C-alpha atoms as a PDB file:
ATOM      1  CA  MET A   1     -13.694   7.775   9.532  1.00  0.00           C
ATOM      2  CA  THR A   2     -15.709   4.857  11.052  1.00  0.00           C
ATOM      3  CA  VAL A   3     -14.947   1.439   9.639  1.00  0.00           C
ATOM      4  CA  GLU A   4     -16.379  -1.896  10.546  1.00  0.00           C
ATOM      5  CA  ARG A   5     -13.552  -3.934  12.056  1.00  0.00           C
ATOM      6  CA  ASP A   6     -15.230  -7.290  11.142  1.00  0.00           C
ATOM      7  CA  PHE A   7     -15.630  -6.246   7.516  1.00  0.00           C
ATOM      8  CA  LEU A   8     -12.047  -7.506   6.842  1.00  0.00           C
ATOM      9  CA  LYS A   9     -12.830 -10.928   8.363  1.00  0.00           C
ATOM     10  CA  ALA A  10     -15.772 -11.779   6.040  1.00  0.00           C
ATOM     11  CA  GLY A  11     -13.566 -12.365   2.979  1.00  0.00           C
ATOM     12  CA  ASN A  12     -13.100 -10.710  -0.245  1.00  0.00           C
ATOM     13  CA  PRO A  13     -15.939  -8.156  -0.638  1.00  0.00           C
ATOM     14  CA  ARG A  14     -15.557  -8.021  -4.325  1.00  0.00           C
ATOM     15  CA  LYS A  15     -16.048 -11.826  -4.792  1.00  0.00           C
ATOM     16  CA  ILE A  16     -18.964 -11.669  -2.193  1.00  0.00           C
ATOM     17  CA  VAL A  17     -20.750  -9.038  -4.098  1.00  0.00           C
ATOM     18  CA  ASN A  18     -20.268 -10.986  -7.455  1.00  0.00           C
ATOM     19  CA  LEU A  19     -21.342 -14.198  -6.057  1.00  0.00           C
ATOM     20  CA  TYR A  20     -24.526 -12.798  -4.505  1.00  0.00           C
ATOM     21  CA  ALA A  21     -25.290 -10.223  -7.131  1.00  0.00           C
ATOM     22  CA  THR A  22     -28.572 -11.663  -7.754  1.00  0.00           C
ATOM     23  CA  VAL A  23     -29.780 -11.653  -4.205  1.00  0.00           C
ATOM     24  CA  LEU A  24     -28.097  -8.505  -2.861  1.00  0.00           C
ATOM     25  CA  SER A  25     -30.060  -5.150  -3.130  1.00  0.00           C
ATOM     26  CA  SER A  26     -28.385  -2.288  -4.834  1.00  0.00           C
ATOM     27  CA  ASP A  27     -28.185  -0.485  -1.397  1.00  0.00           C
ATOM     28  CA  SER A  28     -26.335  -3.572   0.071  1.00  0.00           C
ATOM     29  CA  ARG A  29     -24.023  -3.692  -2.837  1.00  0.00           C
ATOM     30  CA  ASN A  30     -23.319   0.020  -2.444  1.00  0.00           C
ATOM     31  CA  SER A  31     -22.982  -0.363   1.312  1.00  0.00           C
ATOM     32  CA  ILE A  32     -20.284  -3.109   0.833  1.00  0.00           C
ATOM     33  CA  GLU A  33     -18.481  -0.920  -1.674  1.00  0.00           C
ATOM     34  CA  GLY A  34     -18.603   2.223   0.522  1.00  0.00           C
ATOM     35  CA  GLU A  35     -17.133   0.039   3.492  1.00  0.00           C
ATOM     36  CA  LEU A  36     -14.345  -1.275   1.175  1.00  0.00           C
ATOM     37  CA  ARG A  37     -13.462   2.342   0.157  1.00  0.00           C
ATOM     38  CA  GLU A  38     -13.328   3.331   3.791  1.00  0.00           C
ATOM     39  CA  HIS A  39     -10.768   0.624   4.469  1.00  0.00           C
ATOM     40  CA  VAL A  40      -8.711   1.657   1.381  1.00  0.00           C
ATOM     41  CA  ALA A  41      -8.709   5.194   2.492  1.00  0.00           C
ATOM     42  CA  GLY A  42      -7.537   4.021   5.988  1.00  0.00           C
ATOM     43  CA  LEU A  43      -4.753   1.986   4.605  1.00  0.00           C
ATOM     44  CA  PHE A  44      -3.642   4.918   2.498  1.00  0.00           C
ATOM     45  CA  SER A  45      -3.793   7.263   5.412  1.00  0.00           C
ATOM     46  CA  LEU A  46      -1.351   4.910   7.240  1.00  0.00           C
ATOM     47  CA  ALA A  47       0.805   4.884   4.234  1.00  0.00           C
ATOM     48  CA  LEU A  48       0.916   8.728   4.368  1.00  0.00           C
ATOM     49  CA  THR A  49       1.749   8.593   8.161  1.00  0.00           C
ATOM     50  CA  HIS A  50       4.763   6.418   7.539  1.00  0.00           C
ATOM     51  CA  PHE A  51       5.882   8.663   4.711  1.00  0.00           C
ATOM     52  CA  ALA A  52       5.696  11.753   6.793  1.00  0.00           C
ATOM     53  CA  PHE A  53       7.541  10.156   9.533  1.00  0.00           C
ATOM     54  CA  ALA A  54      10.321   8.935   7.238  1.00  0.00           C
ATOM     55  CA  GLU A  55      10.545  12.570   5.737  1.00  0.00           C
ATOM     56  CA  ARG A  56      11.236  13.965   9.266  1.00  0.00           C
ATOM     57  CA  LEU A  57      14.087  11.755  10.020  1.00  0.00           C
ATOM     58  CA  ARG A  58      17.661  12.813   9.575  1.00  0.00           C
ATOM     59  CA  ALA A  59      19.999  11.317   6.900  1.00  0.00           C
ATOM     60  CA  ALA A  60      22.030   9.605   9.693  1.00  0.00           C
ATOM     61  CA  ASP A  61      18.951   7.672  10.647  1.00  0.00           C
ATOM     62  CA  TRP A  62      18.853   5.872   7.293  1.00  0.00           C
ATOM     63  CA  ARG A  63      17.834   2.594   8.703  1.00  0.00           C
ATOM     64  CA  GLN A  64      14.567   4.038  10.061  1.00  0.00           C
ATOM     65  CA  GLN A  65      14.056   6.109   6.980  1.00  0.00           C
ATOM     66  CA  VAL A  66      14.299   2.989   4.744  1.00  0.00           C
ATOM     67  CA  SER A  67      11.880   1.136   7.070  1.00  0.00           C
ATOM     68  CA  ARG A  68       9.220   3.862   7.145  1.00  0.00           C
ATOM     69  CA  TYR A  69       9.447   4.457   3.453  1.00  0.00           C
ATOM     70  CA  TYR A  70       9.041   0.622   2.826  1.00  0.00           C
ATOM     71  CA  TYR A  71       5.954   0.682   5.097  1.00  0.00           C
ATOM     72  CA  ALA A  72       4.413   3.510   3.331  1.00  0.00           C
ATOM     73  CA  CYS A  73       4.737   1.742   0.186  1.00  0.00           C
ATOM     74  CA  TYR A  74       3.636  -1.581   1.614  1.00  0.00           C
ATOM     75  CA  ASN A  75       0.473  -0.009   2.943  1.00  0.00           C
ATOM     76  CA  ALA A  76      -0.288   1.893  -0.226  1.00  0.00           C
ATOM     77  CA  SER A  77       0.286  -1.563  -2.199  1.00  0.00           C
ATOM     78  CA  LYS A  78      -2.162  -3.024   0.334  1.00  0.00           C
ATOM     79  CA  ALA A  79      -4.712  -0.255  -0.180  1.00  0.00           C
ATOM     80  CA  LEU A  80      -4.369  -0.723  -4.034  1.00  0.00           C
ATOM     81  CA  ARG A  81      -4.704  -4.380  -3.948  1.00  0.00           C
ATOM     82  CA  PHE A  82      -7.827  -4.238  -1.686  1.00  0.00           C
ATOM     83  CA  PHE A  83      -9.376  -1.587  -3.971  1.00  0.00           C
ATOM     84  CA  SER A  84      -8.744  -3.372  -7.249  1.00  0.00           C
ATOM     85  CA  GLU A  85      -9.217  -6.974  -6.164  1.00  0.00           C
ATOM     86  CA  GLY A  86     -10.880  -6.942  -2.806  1.00  0.00           C
ATOM     87  CA  HIS A  87      -7.917  -8.962  -1.387  1.00  0.00           C
ATOM     88  CA  PHE A  88      -6.696  -8.147   2.132  1.00  0.00           C
ATOM     89  CA  SER A  89      -4.298  -9.973   4.330  1.00  0.00           C
ATOM     90  CA  ALA A  90      -2.645  -9.183   7.591  1.00  0.00           C
ATOM     91  CA  GLU A  91      -0.254 -12.223   7.301  1.00  0.00           C
ATOM     92  CA  VAL A  92       3.465 -11.842   7.151  1.00  0.00           C
ATOM     93  CA  ALA A  93       3.524 -13.469   3.796  1.00  0.00           C
ATOM     94  CA  ASP A  94       1.616 -10.605   2.353  1.00  0.00           C
ATOM     95  CA  HIS A  95       4.844  -8.642   2.189  1.00  0.00           C
ATOM     96  CA  LYS A  96       5.963 -10.729  -0.661  1.00  0.00           C
ATOM     97  CA  LYS A  97       3.025  -9.168  -2.621  1.00  0.00           C
ATOM     98  CA  ILE A  98       4.169  -5.744  -2.428  1.00  0.00           C
ATOM     99  CA  GLY A  99       4.886  -5.596  -6.189  1.00  0.00           C
ATOM    100  CA  GLU A 100       1.683  -7.233  -7.253  1.00  0.00           C
ATOM    101  CA  LEU A 101      -0.090  -4.365  -8.897  1.00  0.00           C
ATOM    102  CA  PRO A 102      -3.086  -4.124 -11.162  1.00  0.00           C
ATOM    103  CA  ASP A 103      -2.391  -4.805 -14.832  1.00  0.00           C
ATOM    104  CA  ASP A 104      -3.587  -1.391 -15.742  1.00  0.00           C
ATOM    105  CA  PHE A 105      -1.466   0.416 -13.182  1.00  0.00           C
ATOM    106  CA  ASN A 106       0.837   3.116 -14.772  1.00  0.00           C
ATOM    107  CA  ASP A 107       4.551   1.999 -14.745  1.00  0.00           C
ATOM    108  CA  LYS A 108       3.632  -1.406 -13.324  1.00  0.00           C
ATOM    109  CA  ASP A 109       6.968  -3.115 -14.152  1.00  0.00           C
ATOM    110  CA  LYS A 110       8.998  -0.156 -12.895  1.00  0.00           C
ATOM    111  CA  PHE A 111       7.292   0.070  -9.590  1.00  0.00           C
ATOM    112  CA  LYS A 112       7.177  -3.740  -9.170  1.00  0.00           C
ATOM    113  CA  LEU A 113      10.891  -3.890  -9.396  1.00  0.00           C
ATOM    114  CA  ASN A 114      11.508  -0.779  -7.300  1.00  0.00           C
ATOM    115  CA  LEU A 115       9.036  -2.110  -4.485  1.00  0.00           C
ATOM    116  CA  GLU A 116      10.668  -5.534  -4.343  1.00  0.00           C
ATOM    117  CA  ASN A 117      14.065  -3.892  -4.129  1.00  0.00           C
ATOM    118  CA  MET A 118      12.676  -1.651  -1.291  1.00  0.00           C
ATOM    119  CA  ARG A 119      11.637  -4.675   0.436  1.00  0.00           C
ATOM    120  CA  THR A 120      15.171  -6.167   0.321  1.00  0.00           C
ATOM    121  CA  ASP A 121      16.611  -2.833   1.463  1.00  0.00           C
ATOM    122  CA  ARG A 122      14.119  -2.763   4.320  1.00  0.00           C
ATOM    123  CA  ASN A 123      15.161  -6.233   5.436  1.00  0.00           C
ATOM    124  CA  THR A 124      18.786  -5.144   5.233  1.00  0.00           C
ATOM    125  CA  SER A 125      18.021  -1.975   7.155  1.00  0.00           C
ATOM    126  CA  ASP A 126      16.136  -3.807   9.936  1.00  0.00           C
ATOM    127  CA  TYR A 127      18.092  -7.117  10.266  1.00  0.00           C
ATOM    128  CA  ASP A 128      21.750  -6.679   9.100  1.00  0.00           C
ATOM    129  CA  HIS A 129      23.610  -5.263  11.987  1.00  0.00           C
ATOM    130  CA  ILE A 130      26.778  -4.671   9.919  1.00  0.00           C
ATOM    131  CA  ALA A 131      25.135  -3.050   6.991  1.00  0.00           C
ATOM    132  CA  VAL A 132      26.000   0.491   6.004  1.00  0.00           C
ATOM    133  CA  ALA A 133      23.807   2.614   3.654  1.00  0.00           C
ATOM    134  CA  ALA A 134      26.102   1.872   0.710  1.00  0.00           C
ATOM    135  CA  ASP A 135      25.002  -1.946   0.974  1.00  0.00           C
ATOM    136  CA  LEU A 136      21.494  -0.837  -0.048  1.00  0.00           C
ATOM    137  CA  LEU A 137      20.285  -1.418  -3.622  1.00  0.00           C
ATOM    138  CA  ALA A 138      19.039   2.184  -3.793  1.00  0.00           C
ATOM    139  CA  THR A 139      20.161   5.219  -1.764  1.00  0.00           C
ATOM    140  CA  PRO A 140      17.687   6.576   0.808  1.00  0.00           C
ATOM    141  CA  PRO A 141      16.969   9.712  -1.397  1.00  0.00           C
ATOM    142  CA  GLU A 142      16.210   7.360  -4.306  1.00  0.00           C
ATOM    143  CA  ILE A 143      13.890   5.249  -1.992  1.00  0.00           C
ATOM    144  CA  ALA A 144      12.232   8.600  -0.929  1.00  0.00           C
ATOM    145  CA  THR A 145      11.651   9.566  -4.491  1.00  0.00           C
ATOM    146  CA  THR A 146      10.367   6.037  -5.295  1.00  0.00           C
ATOM    147  CA  THR A 147       7.875   6.299  -2.272  1.00  0.00           C
ATOM    148  CA  ARG A 148       6.642   9.776  -3.355  1.00  0.00           C
ATOM    149  CA  ASP A 149       6.202   8.587  -6.929  1.00  0.00           C
ATOM    150  CA  PHE A 150       4.379   5.336  -5.907  1.00  0.00           C
ATOM    151  CA  LEU A 151       2.028   7.054  -3.262  1.00  0.00           C
ATOM    152  CA  THR A 152       1.223   9.582  -5.962  1.00  0.00           C
ATOM    153  CA  ALA A 153       0.514   6.953  -8.614  1.00  0.00           C
ATOM    154  CA  VAL A 154      -1.766   4.933  -6.194  1.00  0.00           C
ATOM    155  CA  ARG A 155      -3.633   8.166  -5.314  1.00  0.00           C
ATOM    156  CA  ASP A 156      -4.033   8.883  -8.971  1.00  0.00           C
ATOM    157  CA  TYR A 157      -5.136   5.343  -9.857  1.00  0.00           C
ATOM    158  CA  CYS A 158      -7.825   5.475  -7.199  1.00  0.00           C
ATOM    159  CA  LEU A 159      -8.932   8.968  -8.087  1.00  0.00           C
ATOM    160  CA  ALA A 160      -9.385   7.941 -11.773  1.00  0.00           C
ATOM    161  CA  ARG A 161     -11.808   5.244 -10.405  1.00  0.00           C
ATOM    162  CA  GLY A 162     -13.768   7.635  -8.238  1.00  0.00           C
ATOM    163  CA  LEU A 163     -11.892   7.263  -4.883  1.00  0.00           C
ATOM    164  CA  THR A 164     -10.420  10.475  -3.557  1.00  0.00           C
ATOM    165  CA  LEU A 165      -7.458   9.659  -1.115  1.00  0.00           C
ATOM    166  CA  GLY A 166      -5.203  12.015   0.953  1.00  0.00           C
ATOM    167  CA  GLU A 167      -2.486  14.305  -0.528  1.00  0.00           C
ATOM    168  CA  VAL A 168       1.115  13.041  -0.809  1.00  0.00           C
END
């Protein structure tokens, strides 16, 4: 995959295409859409990398598991938001948007709650030095299931809209 690094700096590609629809050629619009899709696939691939890493960890490494599962979901959420809205951010505040899913996303409310809880659990795992696994809102196996389900739902959402992503 070859992606243009500066593409993300240009702003929201969906808004740009809509704003300049009358002056952009069909080839230009297709090129922008193709580049957006390459970045979405790259973000989803990163999500799968975090997921695979978490899956290899031992149960005793629950802190690292929770963190990697969270980052799998966070990157899948970023991919989904970029695909559906054209919005991309590398700012820390973007983590607060993990549960902002498209209105037509299956089980949106369930995933929103689970993703926001996972963010809380990730913060507990990463920053609370006296925390134990029982302090989490969900158990690490439940977090693993949520992650697998969310990655599958993101993949299916994109596939239904013509974008094939990696296997979960």
